[in-house]
């Protein structure tokens, strides 16, 4: 029979005495399998690609005082998915002590660890699973059968698996246990973690864990009726445990992570998932995930982000999903469906003004055949202006309203994009108010307001000159950079070349004039010296020249 760590020669003071005091009553009833899984060399949450469980609540230390879980604060929320601390730190030791407090509480004892107000990451507890697979499976089956008797649907799984285990049909027995494991969602809150951990242990001991894990994960996505307040934390912890205990390169991790995404989406907790998404590409490489499965996961992440209100993240991951389609699949129904969805998200977003990454995708380019009107609208937002948008609206009268697009938002966005194009195409970097009003089709008194809006959108940088009634452009953003923009760039380079040539000519002319002036001064100085009877040498040296020696000097 499986036993908890320390039931013989317990390392916890008072444990053996407490067990003896329980007497015959304790041995008569089926014990819930209060245990956690044996750790590896390091706690599983320390690995870089691990999914951290929700945080232990601030009032976790109160559990050791036999305080009912139902009386705990209801405002416990999972923490962000942060890295787990060093397993040799005091914090890790504290978590082990707190795990022991839970263990003691099950046997009616009480232990009060130090009370503080810190929130800790949930850590794996050190335990020992004592017993063979058959013993543990039978214990699990009996526990499920006993608890099912308290519900409307009693299952006789304990009786069912006994002959199977005797015949060493372990896989068949485990299948029966997993099938009945939905009952665990109704067990007392304080027993849930131990029970689900034993089930996870049994499944991971199977020769085919992939066969049983979908049912286990599916049950965890269902409400834990015994814990309506803390059910999310309990289920998230269990899902994290499954993911972390699988080998990092085990492709089954993909299926578990997909269930985690759906669980997070179901509870609207996308922010918990977001920090770990940076590992996706590395995980795909480890799991050797094909393009179709990558796309499936990206779509689920995009939907989860959209439902949480994070439109930028949603758009980012739907683009990643579209990038998994190759050119041969670009015209497939699924590719066109998500391409159209991404297009609508892009043109409707009040903060997205760059559409080059979207247009570059083969599946989006294929919309020109399947959705020509949408494709035309995307072209307008990519490189055309407000006048083209208005012409489009007249040409397809009522189409925008029929497609449930917001004309006011689209028109406002086109005005900002038109302003950016106007600033980019202005050669002298000065735009008169009148030109802005004409291009944006607005009254002159609204020019300054729209200028402020386009600067806030980071499409243009510059300053207004109210005195001269012009906008001075300091920096602008090209919406596209095609043939037209290359020509504009060539024109500007030619203009810069003319300016540089003029400056060069002016500098050279000035240098020549300076050189000529210097020579003139030297010539004038030489003439003055010659007129004074001084021919070279030092003008200030007036000593007599030495006389030539003769014979008379002797």
Protein backbone atom coordinates (compact mmCIF):
# COMPACT_ATOMS: atom_id res chain seq x y z
CA UNK A 1 0.00 0.00 0.00
CA UNK A 2 1.32 3.44 -0.82
CA UNK A 3 2.28 5.50 2.16
CA UNK A 4 3.22 9.08 2.74
CA UNK A 5 6.78 10.08 3.49
CA UNK A 6 7.75 9.58 7.10
CA UNK A 7 5.00 7.23 8.24
CA UNK A 8 7.69 4.95 9.67
CA UNK A 9 10.27 6.74 11.85
CA UNK A 10 8.85 10.12 10.95
CA UNK A 11 11.23 13.06 10.75
CA UNK A 12 8.42 15.35 11.89
CA UNK A 13 8.24 15.54 15.73
CA UNK A 14 4.98 14.23 17.13
CA UNK A 15 3.90 12.55 13.90
CA UNK A 16 3.99 8.93 15.14
CA UNK A 17 2.13 9.86 18.31
CA UNK A 18 -0.52 11.68 16.31
CA UNK A 19 -0.98 8.72 14.00
CA UNK A 20 -1.37 6.35 16.91
CA UNK A 21 -3.94 8.66 18.45
CA UNK A 22 -6.05 8.39 15.33
CA UNK A 23 -6.61 4.70 16.19
CA UNK A 24 -8.69 2.38 14.15
CA UNK A 25 -10.82 5.17 12.64
CA UNK A 26 -7.97 6.40 10.44
CA UNK A 27 -7.23 2.98 8.98
CA UNK A 28 -10.86 2.21 8.19
CA UNK A 29 -11.41 5.07 5.75
CA UNK A 30 -9.71 5.50 2.39
CA UNK A 31 -6.97 8.09 2.74
CA UNK A 32 -6.73 10.76 0.10
CA UNK A 33 -3.37 10.43 -1.64
CA UNK A 34 -1.80 13.57 -0.17
CA UNK A 35 1.53 13.68 -1.95
CA UNK A 36 3.36 15.63 -4.56
CA UNK A 37 5.58 14.32 -7.27
CA UNK A 38 9.23 13.49 -6.65
CA UNK A 39 11.47 16.27 -7.92
CA UNK A 40 14.37 15.91 -10.31
CA UNK A 41 17.87 17.29 -9.70
CA UNK A 42 16.33 20.79 -9.57
CA UNK A 43 12.75 21.87 -8.92
CA UNK A 44 10.91 21.69 -12.24
CA UNK A 45 9.89 25.35 -12.11
CA UNK A 46 13.55 26.38 -12.22
CA UNK A 47 14.01 25.32 -15.82
CA UNK A 48 14.04 28.25 -18.23
CA UNK A 49 11.18 26.94 -20.32
CA UNK A 50 8.96 25.99 -17.40
CA UNK A 51 5.46 27.30 -16.88
CA UNK A 52 5.34 28.71 -13.36
CA UNK A 53 2.25 27.94 -11.29
CA UNK A 54 0.18 30.65 -9.65
CA UNK A 55 1.57 32.25 -6.52
CA UNK A 56 0.99 30.92 -3.04
CA UNK A 57 -1.42 33.37 -1.40
CA UNK A 58 -0.17 35.79 1.21
CA UNK A 59 -2.22 34.00 3.86
CA UNK A 60 -0.76 30.59 3.00
CA UNK A 61 0.89 30.32 6.42
CA UNK A 62 -2.56 30.30 8.02
CA UNK A 63 -3.27 26.87 6.51
CA UNK A 64 -0.98 25.29 9.09
CA UNK A 65 -3.22 26.65 11.85
CA UNK A 66 -6.12 24.43 10.78
CA UNK A 67 -7.96 27.40 9.35
CA UNK A 68 -10.56 26.22 6.80
CA UNK A 69 -9.62 27.05 3.23
CA UNK A 70 -13.11 28.39 2.69
CA UNK A 71 -12.31 31.15 5.21
CA UNK A 72 -9.26 32.37 3.33
CA UNK A 73 -9.40 35.67 1.54
CA UNK A 74 -11.22 35.43 -1.76
CA UNK A 75 -9.01 38.00 -3.46
CA UNK A 76 -6.11 35.64 -4.04
CA UNK A 77 -4.95 36.01 -7.58
CA UNK A 78 -2.17 34.27 -9.47
CA UNK A 79 1.08 36.17 -9.72
CA UNK A 80 2.88 36.92 -12.94
CA UNK A 81 4.83 34.03 -14.45
CA UNK A 82 8.20 34.88 -12.97
CA UNK A 83 11.31 32.77 -12.56
CA UNK A 84 11.54 30.49 -9.55
CA UNK A 85 14.06 31.41 -6.88
CA UNK A 86 17.15 29.41 -5.98
CA UNK A 87 16.15 26.06 -4.53
CA UNK A 88 18.87 26.37 -1.91
CA UNK A 89 17.58 29.71 -0.64
CA UNK A 90 15.72 30.23 2.66
CA UNK A 91 12.57 30.82 0.63
CA UNK A 92 12.78 27.27 -0.72
CA UNK A 93 13.26 25.92 2.80
CA UNK A 94 10.20 27.86 3.93
CA UNK A 95 8.12 26.30 1.17
CA UNK A 96 9.14 22.80 2.27
CA UNK A 97 8.16 23.65 5.86
CA UNK A 98 4.83 24.95 4.65
CA UNK A 99 4.31 21.72 2.74
CA UNK A 100 4.94 19.85 5.98
CA UNK A 101 2.32 22.05 7.66
CA UNK A 102 -0.25 20.89 5.12
CA UNK A 103 0.78 17.31 5.74
CA UNK A 104 0.36 17.70 9.51
CA UNK A 105 -2.99 19.39 9.09
CA UNK A 106 -4.34 16.33 7.29
CA UNK A 107 -3.61 14.28 10.39
CA UNK A 108 -5.23 16.79 12.72
CA UNK A 109 -2.03 18.43 13.96
CA UNK A 110 -1.05 22.06 13.73
CA UNK A 111 2.15 23.87 12.93
CA UNK A 112 2.63 27.62 12.64
CA UNK A 113 5.51 28.75 10.41
CA UNK A 114 6.80 32.31 10.55
CA UNK A 115 4.13 34.79 9.58
CA UNK A 116 5.01 37.33 6.96
CA UNK A 117 3.18 39.18 4.25
CA UNK A 118 5.19 38.10 1.25
CA UNK A 119 3.78 36.35 -1.81
CA UNK A 120 5.85 33.38 -2.95
CA UNK A 121 5.96 31.36 -6.10
CA UNK A 122 4.41 27.95 -5.56
CA UNK A 123 7.16 25.36 -5.27
CA UNK A 124 7.22 21.58 -5.63
CA UNK A 125 7.08 19.79 -2.28
CA UNK A 126 9.50 16.99 -1.48
CA UNK A 127 7.67 13.66 -1.01
CA UNK A 128 8.21 10.00 -1.38
CA UNK A 129 5.82 7.72 -3.25
CA UNK A 130 5.91 4.36 -1.54
CA UNK A 131 4.37 1.49 -3.43
CA UNK A 132 4.20 -0.26 -6.74
CA UNK A 133 2.21 0.98 -9.71
CA UNK A 134 -0.53 -1.55 -8.93
CA UNK A 135 -0.81 -0.41 -5.30
CA UNK A 136 -0.94 3.26 -6.23
CA UNK A 137 -3.45 2.67 -9.02
CA UNK A 138 -5.70 0.67 -6.69
CA UNK A 139 -5.46 3.38 -4.03
CA UNK A 140 -6.39 6.01 -6.61
CA UNK A 141 -9.31 3.93 -7.88
CA UNK A 142 -10.63 3.31 -4.35
CA UNK A 143 -10.36 7.02 -3.56
CA UNK A 144 -12.31 7.94 -6.69
CA UNK A 145 -14.97 5.31 -5.97
CA UNK A 146 -15.39 6.50 -2.38
CA UNK A 147 -15.79 10.14 -3.40
CA UNK A 148 -18.09 9.31 -6.29
CA UNK A 149 -20.54 7.88 -3.77
CA UNK A 150 -21.05 11.46 -2.57
CA UNK A 151 -22.19 12.53 -6.04
CA UNK A 152 -25.11 11.63 -8.28
CA UNK A 153 -22.97 9.31 -10.42
CA UNK A 154 -21.31 6.55 -8.45
CA UNK A 155 -18.51 4.70 -10.24
CA UNK A 156 -17.23 1.28 -9.22
CA UNK A 157 -13.76 1.90 -10.57
CA UNK A 158 -12.08 0.42 -7.49
CA UNK A 159 -13.78 -2.90 -8.08
CA UNK A 160 -13.20 -2.65 -11.82
CA UNK A 161 -9.43 -2.22 -11.74
CA UNK A 162 -8.68 -4.83 -9.07
CA UNK A 163 -8.86 -7.88 -11.39
CA UNK A 164 -7.06 -5.95 -14.11
CA UNK A 165 -4.16 -5.16 -11.80
CA UNK A 166 -4.03 -8.75 -10.60
CA UNK A 167 -3.62 -9.82 -14.24
CA UNK A 168 -0.95 -7.08 -14.66
CA UNK A 169 -3.07 -5.26 -17.21
CA UNK A 170 -1.79 -1.95 -15.93
CA UNK A 171 -2.65 0.09 -19.02
CA UNK A 172 -6.26 -1.08 -18.98
CA UNK A 173 -6.50 -0.34 -15.27
CA UNK A 174 -5.03 3.14 -15.75
CA UNK A 175 -7.45 3.82 -18.59
CA UNK A 176 -10.36 3.00 -16.27
CA UNK A 177 -8.94 5.25 -13.53
CA UNK A 178 -8.42 8.18 -15.91
CA UNK A 179 -11.91 7.73 -17.33
CA UNK A 180 -13.40 8.06 -13.84
CA UNK A 181 -11.01 10.81 -12.71
CA UNK A 182 -13.54 13.56 -13.36
CA UNK A 183 -14.75 12.82 -9.82
CA UNK A 184 -11.58 14.53 -8.53
CA UNK A 185 -13.15 17.89 -9.40
CA UNK A 186 -15.58 17.29 -6.53
CA UNK A 187 -13.15 16.19 -3.80
CA UNK A 188 -12.47 18.52 -0.84
CA UNK A 189 -10.31 21.46 -1.77
CA UNK A 190 -7.43 20.57 0.54
CA UNK A 191 -7.27 17.03 -0.93
CA UNK A 192 -7.40 18.02 -4.60
CA UNK A 193 -3.71 18.75 -5.18
CA UNK A 194 -2.51 15.52 -3.61
CA UNK A 195 -5.06 13.46 -5.51
CA UNK A 196 -4.39 15.03 -8.90
CA UNK A 197 -0.62 14.75 -8.38
CA UNK A 198 -0.94 11.01 -7.77
CA UNK A 199 -3.00 10.70 -10.94
CA UNK A 200 -0.35 12.65 -12.88
CA UNK A 201 2.32 10.37 -11.46
CA UNK A 202 0.44 7.27 -12.60
CA UNK A 203 -0.12 8.68 -16.08
CA UNK A 204 3.54 9.60 -16.49
CA UNK A 205 4.51 6.06 -15.46
CA UNK A 206 2.43 4.74 -18.34
CA UNK A 207 4.05 3.52 -21.52
CA UNK A 208 1.69 5.84 -23.42
CA UNK A 209 1.17 9.05 -21.42
CA UNK A 210 -0.04 10.76 -24.60
CA UNK A 211 -3.04 8.43 -24.59
CA UNK A 212 -4.21 9.48 -21.11
CA UNK A 213 -3.12 13.13 -20.76
CA UNK A 214 -5.90 14.61 -22.97
CA UNK A 215 -8.56 13.29 -20.59
CA UNK A 216 -6.66 14.53 -17.53
CA UNK A 217 -6.21 18.01 -19.03
CA UNK A 218 -9.81 18.08 -20.21
CA UNK A 219 -11.01 17.46 -16.64
CA UNK A 220 -8.79 20.28 -15.38
CA UNK A 221 -10.46 22.66 -17.82
CA UNK A 222 -13.79 21.90 -16.17
CA UNK A 223 -14.90 23.71 -12.99
CA UNK A 224 -13.62 22.36 -9.69
CA UNK A 225 -16.96 22.42 -7.95
CA UNK A 226 -15.51 21.88 -4.50
CA UNK A 227 -13.49 25.10 -4.80
CA UNK A 228 -15.32 27.80 -6.75
CA UNK A 229 -13.03 30.49 -5.34
CA UNK A 230 -9.63 28.85 -5.76
CA UNK A 231 -10.42 26.41 -8.54
CA UNK A 232 -8.42 28.38 -11.10
CA UNK A 233 -5.27 28.27 -8.96
CA UNK A 234 -5.60 24.54 -8.27
CA UNK A 235 -6.17 23.62 -11.92
CA UNK A 236 -3.43 25.96 -13.18
CA UNK A 237 -1.01 24.38 -10.73
CA UNK A 238 -1.88 20.90 -11.96
CA UNK A 239 -1.53 21.83 -15.64
CA UNK A 240 1.82 23.46 -14.89
CA UNK A 241 2.96 20.32 -13.10
CA UNK A 242 2.12 18.15 -16.11
CA UNK A 243 3.97 20.48 -18.49
CA UNK A 244 7.06 20.80 -16.30
CA UNK A 245 7.45 17.09 -15.57
CA UNK A 246 7.48 16.15 -19.24
CA UNK A 247 10.89 16.12 -20.88
CA UNK A 248 11.71 19.45 -22.53
CA UNK A 249 11.94 17.80 -25.94
CA UNK A 250 8.85 15.64 -25.53
CA UNK A 251 6.36 16.62 -28.26
CA UNK A 252 3.50 15.78 -25.87
CA UNK A 253 4.33 19.10 -24.25
CA UNK A 254 2.75 20.78 -27.28
CA UNK A 255 -0.64 19.23 -26.51
CA UNK A 256 -0.41 20.15 -22.84
CA UNK A 257 0.56 23.73 -23.65
CA UNK A 258 -2.36 23.97 -26.05
CA UNK A 259 -4.64 23.00 -23.17
CA UNK A 260 -2.95 25.58 -20.93
CA UNK A 261 -3.68 28.28 -23.53
CA UNK A 262 -7.31 27.24 -23.72
CA UNK A 263 -7.52 27.17 -19.92
CA UNK A 264 -6.00 30.67 -19.68
CA UNK A 265 -8.36 31.89 -22.39
CA UNK A 266 -11.34 30.33 -20.61
CA UNK A 267 -10.53 32.28 -17.44
CA UNK A 268 -9.42 35.53 -19.10
CA UNK A 269 -5.91 35.43 -17.61
CA UNK A 270 -3.84 36.13 -20.74
CA UNK A 271 -1.33 38.28 -18.82
CA UNK A 272 -0.18 35.13 -16.98
CA UNK A 273 0.65 33.46 -20.27
CA UNK A 274 2.21 36.42 -22.09
CA UNK A 275 5.72 36.33 -20.53
CA UNK A 276 6.24 32.68 -21.59
CA UNK A 277 5.27 33.17 -25.22
CA UNK A 278 8.78 34.35 -26.04
CA UNK A 279 9.83 30.68 -25.73
CA UNK A 280 7.44 29.44 -28.42
CA UNK A 281 9.87 29.28 -31.33
CA UNK A 282 12.50 27.48 -29.23
CA UNK A 283 9.85 25.05 -28.02
CA UNK A 284 8.67 24.38 -31.56
CA UNK A 285 12.25 23.53 -32.49
CA UNK A 286 12.58 21.18 -29.50
CA UNK A 287 9.26 19.49 -30.23
CA UNK A 288 9.82 19.44 -34.01
CA UNK A 289 6.36 20.92 -34.44
CA UNK A 290 5.06 21.03 -38.01
CA UNK A 291 3.67 24.18 -39.63
CA UNK A 292 0.04 23.17 -39.21
CA UNK A 293 0.36 22.62 -35.45
CA UNK A 294 2.33 25.85 -35.06
CA UNK A 295 -0.46 27.68 -36.86
CA UNK A 296 -3.08 26.11 -34.60
CA UNK A 297 -1.29 27.27 -31.48
CA UNK A 298 -0.63 30.78 -32.85
CA UNK A 299 -4.33 31.16 -33.66
CA UNK A 300 -5.29 30.12 -30.12
CA UNK A 301 -2.84 32.64 -28.66
CA UNK A 302 -4.19 35.35 -30.97
CA UNK A 303 -7.75 34.62 -29.90
CA UNK A 304 -6.78 34.64 -26.22
CA UNK A 305 -5.05 38.01 -26.63
CA UNK A 306 -8.03 39.46 -28.50
CA UNK A 307 -10.46 38.34 -25.81
CA UNK A 308 -8.27 39.99 -23.17
CA UNK A 309 -8.31 43.27 -25.10
CA UNK A 310 -4.69 43.13 -26.27
CA UNK A 311 -5.24 43.84 -29.97
CA UNK A 312 -1.56 44.38 -30.78
CA UNK A 313 -0.60 40.95 -29.41
CA UNK A 314 -3.54 39.38 -31.20
CA UNK A 315 -2.46 40.91 -34.52
CA UNK A 316 1.16 39.89 -33.93
CA UNK A 317 0.27 36.22 -33.49
CA UNK A 318 -2.20 36.06 -36.33
CA UNK A 319 0.61 37.30 -38.61
CA UNK A 320 2.80 34.51 -37.25
CA UNK A 321 0.02 32.05 -38.04
CA UNK A 322 -0.26 33.38 -41.61
CA UNK A 323 3.50 33.08 -42.07
CA UNK A 324 3.16 29.29 -41.71
CA UNK A 325 1.28 29.08 -45.03
CA UNK A 326 3.53 28.58 -48.03
CA UNK A 327 2.69 29.82 -51.54
CA UNK A 328 1.03 26.54 -52.46
CA UNK A 329 -1.38 26.92 -49.52
CA UNK A 330 -1.96 30.66 -49.94
CA UNK A 331 -5.32 30.23 -51.67
CA UNK A 332 -6.64 27.60 -49.26
CA UNK A 333 -9.89 28.39 -47.48
CA UNK A 334 -8.24 28.54 -44.05
CA UNK A 335 -5.49 30.84 -45.32
CA UNK A 336 -8.01 33.21 -46.88
CA UNK A 337 -10.15 33.20 -43.74
CA UNK A 338 -7.34 34.29 -41.43
CA UNK A 339 -5.84 36.65 -44.01
CA UNK A 340 -9.13 38.51 -44.23
CA UNK A 341 -9.34 38.61 -40.43
CA UNK A 342 -5.82 40.07 -40.20
CA UNK A 343 -6.64 42.65 -42.88
CA UNK A 344 -9.71 43.84 -40.98
CA UNK A 345 -7.70 44.05 -37.77
CA UNK A 346 -4.97 46.06 -39.47
CA UNK A 347 -7.13 48.72 -41.13
CA UNK A 348 -9.41 49.05 -38.08
CA UNK A 349 -6.61 49.43 -35.53
CA UNK A 350 -6.23 53.07 -34.43
CA UNK A 351 -2.51 52.59 -33.79
CA UNK A 352 -1.35 50.55 -36.79
CA UNK A 353 -0.16 52.53 -39.80
CA UNK A 354 2.34 50.14 -41.39
CA UNK A 355 0.89 47.43 -43.62
CA UNK A 356 4.02 46.23 -45.41
CA UNK A 357 4.43 43.11 -43.27
CA UNK A 358 0.81 42.17 -43.99
CA UNK A 359 1.00 42.79 -47.74
CA UNK A 360 4.17 40.73 -48.03
CA UNK A 361 2.36 37.52 -46.99
CA UNK A 362 1.41 35.25 -49.93
CA UNK A 363 -1.99 34.45 -48.44
CA UNK A 364 -2.83 38.17 -48.16
CA UNK A 365 -1.68 38.79 -51.72
CA UNK A 366 -4.05 36.03 -52.81
CA UNK A 367 -6.98 38.12 -51.51
CA UNK A 368 -6.79 40.11 -54.74
CA UNK A 369 -8.60 37.16 -56.35
CA UNK A 370 -10.87 35.96 -53.53
CA UNK A 371 -11.64 39.35 -51.94
CA UNK A 372 -10.82 42.03 -54.55
CA UNK A 373 -12.68 44.84 -52.77
CA UNK A 374 -10.86 44.24 -49.49
CA UNK A 375 -7.59 43.99 -51.39
CA UNK A 376 -8.30 47.36 -53.03
CA UNK A 377 -9.06 48.91 -49.65
CA UNK A 378 -5.78 47.57 -48.24
CA UNK A 379 -3.90 49.15 -51.16
CA UNK A 380 -5.51 52.50 -50.36
CA UNK A 381 -4.47 52.33 -46.72
CA UNK A 382 -0.99 51.22 -47.69
CA UNK A 383 0.01 53.91 -50.17
CA UNK A 384 -2.86 56.15 -51.26
CA UNK A 385 -4.60 59.14 -49.70
CA UNK A 386 -7.93 60.44 -48.45
CA UNK A 387 -9.20 61.38 -51.89
CA UNK A 388 -8.67 57.80 -53.09
CA UNK A 389 -10.53 56.50 -50.03
CA UNK A 390 -13.49 58.79 -50.72
CA UNK A 391 -13.54 57.66 -54.37
CA UNK A 392 -13.51 54.03 -53.19
CA UNK A 393 -16.45 54.71 -50.88
CA UNK A 394 -18.45 56.30 -53.69
CA UNK A 395 -17.60 53.46 -56.05
CA UNK A 396 -18.68 50.83 -53.50
CA UNK A 397 -21.57 52.70 -51.93
CA UNK A 398 -22.86 51.02 -48.78
CA UNK A 399 -20.15 48.33 -48.83
CA UNK A 400 -18.29 49.61 -45.76
CA UNK A 401 -21.47 49.66 -43.70
CA UNK A 402 -22.46 46.23 -45.00
CA UNK A 403 -19.12 44.79 -43.90
CA UNK A 404 -19.62 46.38 -40.46
CA UNK A 405 -16.55 48.57 -40.78
CA UNK A 406 -16.48 51.90 -38.94
CA UNK A 407 -16.34 54.66 -41.57
CA UNK A 408 -15.50 57.37 -39.02
CA UNK A 409 -12.47 55.44 -37.76
CA UNK A 410 -11.31 54.59 -41.27
CA UNK A 411 -11.65 58.19 -42.45
CA UNK A 412 -9.75 59.54 -39.45
CA UNK A 413 -6.97 57.03 -40.04
CA UNK A 414 -6.78 57.97 -43.73
CA UNK A 415 -6.42 61.65 -42.81
CA UNK A 416 -3.43 60.85 -40.60
CA UNK A 417 -1.87 58.70 -43.32
CA UNK A 418 -2.49 61.42 -45.91
CA UNK A 419 -0.74 63.95 -43.67
CA UNK A 420 2.26 61.60 -43.41
CA UNK A 421 2.41 61.23 -47.21
CA UNK A 422 2.17 65.01 -47.65
CA UNK A 423 5.05 65.58 -45.24
CA UNK A 424 7.18 62.91 -46.93
CA UNK A 425 6.65 64.38 -50.41
CA UNK A 426 7.36 68.02 -49.49
CA UNK A 427 10.81 68.93 -50.88
CA UNK A 428 11.48 72.07 -48.83
CA UNK A 429 10.22 70.67 -45.51
CA UNK A 430 7.65 73.43 -45.12
CA UNK A 431 3.94 72.72 -45.53
CA UNK A 432 1.56 75.69 -45.63
CA UNK A 433 -1.61 75.38 -43.60
CA UNK A 434 -3.63 75.74 -46.80
CA UNK A 435 -2.00 72.65 -48.32
CA UNK A 436 -2.73 70.60 -45.20
CA UNK A 437 -6.37 71.72 -45.12
CA UNK A 438 -6.80 70.85 -48.79
CA UNK A 439 -5.20 67.38 -48.53
CA UNK A 440 -7.11 66.44 -45.38
CA UNK A 441 -10.36 68.09 -46.54
CA UNK A 442 -10.76 69.99 -43.28
CA UNK A 443 -11.33 73.64 -42.30
CA UNK A 444 -8.18 75.75 -41.88
CA UNK A 445 -8.90 76.27 -38.20
CA UNK A 446 -8.61 72.49 -37.62
CA UNK A 447 -5.13 72.19 -39.13
CA UNK A 448 -3.27 72.60 -35.85
CA UNK A 449 -5.43 69.98 -34.12
CA UNK A 450 -4.75 67.42 -36.86
CA UNK A 451 -1.06 68.30 -36.82
CA UNK A 452 -0.91 67.51 -33.12
CA UNK A 453 -2.72 64.20 -33.75
CA UNK A 454 -0.32 63.11 -36.48
CA UNK A 455 2.67 63.96 -34.28
CA UNK A 456 1.16 61.95 -31.43
CA UNK A 457 0.74 59.02 -33.83
CA UNK A 458 4.53 59.27 -34.44
CA UNK A 459 4.05 59.53 -38.18
CA UNK A 460 5.69 62.95 -38.38
CA UNK A 461 7.93 65.14 -36.24
CA UNK A 462 8.10 68.91 -36.57
CA UNK A 463 6.77 72.19 -35.24
CA UNK A 464 4.08 74.65 -36.12
CA UNK A 465 4.83 78.23 -37.09
CA UNK A 466 1.62 80.10 -36.33
CA UNK A 467 3.17 83.35 -37.52
CA UNK A 468 4.07 82.01 -40.97
CA UNK A 469 1.13 79.56 -41.06
CA UNK A 470 3.36 76.62 -41.98
CA UNK A 471 4.32 73.27 -40.49
CA UNK A 472 8.10 72.73 -40.40
CA UNK A 473 8.88 69.04 -40.94
CA UNK A 474 11.80 67.59 -38.97
CA UNK A 475 11.20 63.90 -39.63
CA UNK A 476 8.63 61.89 -41.51
CA UNK A 477 7.73 58.26 -42.06
CA UNK A 478 7.37 56.77 -45.53
CA UNK A 479 4.28 54.60 -45.72
CA UNK A 480 5.82 52.57 -48.53
CA UNK A 481 9.14 52.74 -50.31
CA UNK A 482 8.60 51.82 -53.93
CA UNK A 483 9.43 53.28 -57.33
CA UNK A 484 7.71 56.58 -56.57
CA UNK A 485 9.65 57.00 -53.34
CA UNK A 486 12.93 56.13 -55.07
CA UNK A 487 12.24 58.86 -57.60
CA UNK A 488 11.49 61.35 -54.83
CA UNK A 489 14.68 60.31 -53.10
CA UNK A 490 16.60 60.77 -56.37
CA UNK A 491 15.13 64.26 -56.77
CA UNK A 492 16.14 65.19 -53.25
CA UNK A 493 19.65 63.82 -53.75
CA UNK A 494 19.95 65.94 -56.90
CA UNK A 495 18.82 68.98 -54.94
CA UNK A 496 21.31 68.25 -52.18
CA UNK A 497 24.01 67.79 -54.82
CA UNK A 498 23.26 71.23 -56.29
CA UNK A 499 23.44 72.80 -52.86
CA UNK A 500 26.72 71.04 -52.08
CA UNK A 501 28.15 72.04 -55.48
CA UNK A 502 27.24 75.65 -54.82
CA UNK A 503 28.78 75.56 -51.39
CA UNK A 504 31.92 73.93 -52.79
CA UNK A 505 32.22 76.59 -55.50
CA UNK A 506 31.76 79.34 -52.96
CA UNK A 507 34.39 77.87 -50.63
CA UNK A 508 36.89 77.41 -53.47
CA UNK A 509 36.29 80.94 -54.74
CA UNK A 510 36.85 82.29 -51.24
CA UNK A 511 40.03 80.24 -50.91
CA UNK A 512 41.31 81.61 -54.25
CA UNK A 513 40.55 85.16 -53.16
CA UNK A 514 42.39 84.66 -49.88
CA UNK A 515 45.40 83.20 -51.70
CA UNK A 516 45.43 86.10 -54.17
CA UNK A 517 45.25 88.63 -51.35
CA UNK A 518 48.16 86.97 -49.59
CA UNK A 519 50.32 87.09 -52.72
CA UNK A 520 49.44 90.76 -53.26
CA UNK A 521 50.52 91.62 -49.73
CA UNK A 522 53.82 89.80 -50.20
CA UNK A 523 54.52 91.65 -53.46
CA UNK A 524 53.76 95.03 -51.88
CA UNK A 525 56.03 94.24 -48.95
CA UNK A 526 58.86 93.23 -51.29
CA UNK A 527 58.55 96.53 -53.20
CA UNK A 528 58.70 98.55 -50.01
CA UNK A 529 61.81 96.73 -48.87
CA UNK A 530 63.49 97.24 -52.23
CA UNK A 531 62.71 100.98 -52.15
CA UNK A 532 64.36 101.23 -48.75
CA UNK A 533 67.61 99.66 -50.09
CA UNK A 534 67.11 96.43 -48.32
CA UNK A 535 67.40 93.34 -50.43
CA UNK A 536 66.39 90.39 -48.46
CA UNK A 537 67.89 89.26 -45.22
CA UNK A 538 66.81 90.60 -41.93
CA UNK A 539 65.51 94.14 -42.36
CA UNK A 540 66.52 95.03 -38.81
CA UNK A 541 70.16 93.92 -39.19
CA UNK A 542 72.13 97.16 -39.99
CA UNK A 543 75.72 95.96 -39.15
CA UNK A 544 78.62 96.97 -41.58
CA UNK A 545 79.60 94.38 -44.12
CA UNK A 546 83.15 92.92 -43.55
CA UNK A 547 85.93 94.51 -45.79
CA UNK A 548 88.05 92.27 -47.98
CA UNK A 549 91.64 91.80 -46.62
CA UNK A 550 94.61 93.20 -48.70
CA UNK A 551 98.47 93.11 -48.55
CA UNK A 552 98.59 96.59 -47.00
CA UNK A 553 96.92 95.18 -43.93
CA UNK A 554 100.20 93.45 -43.11
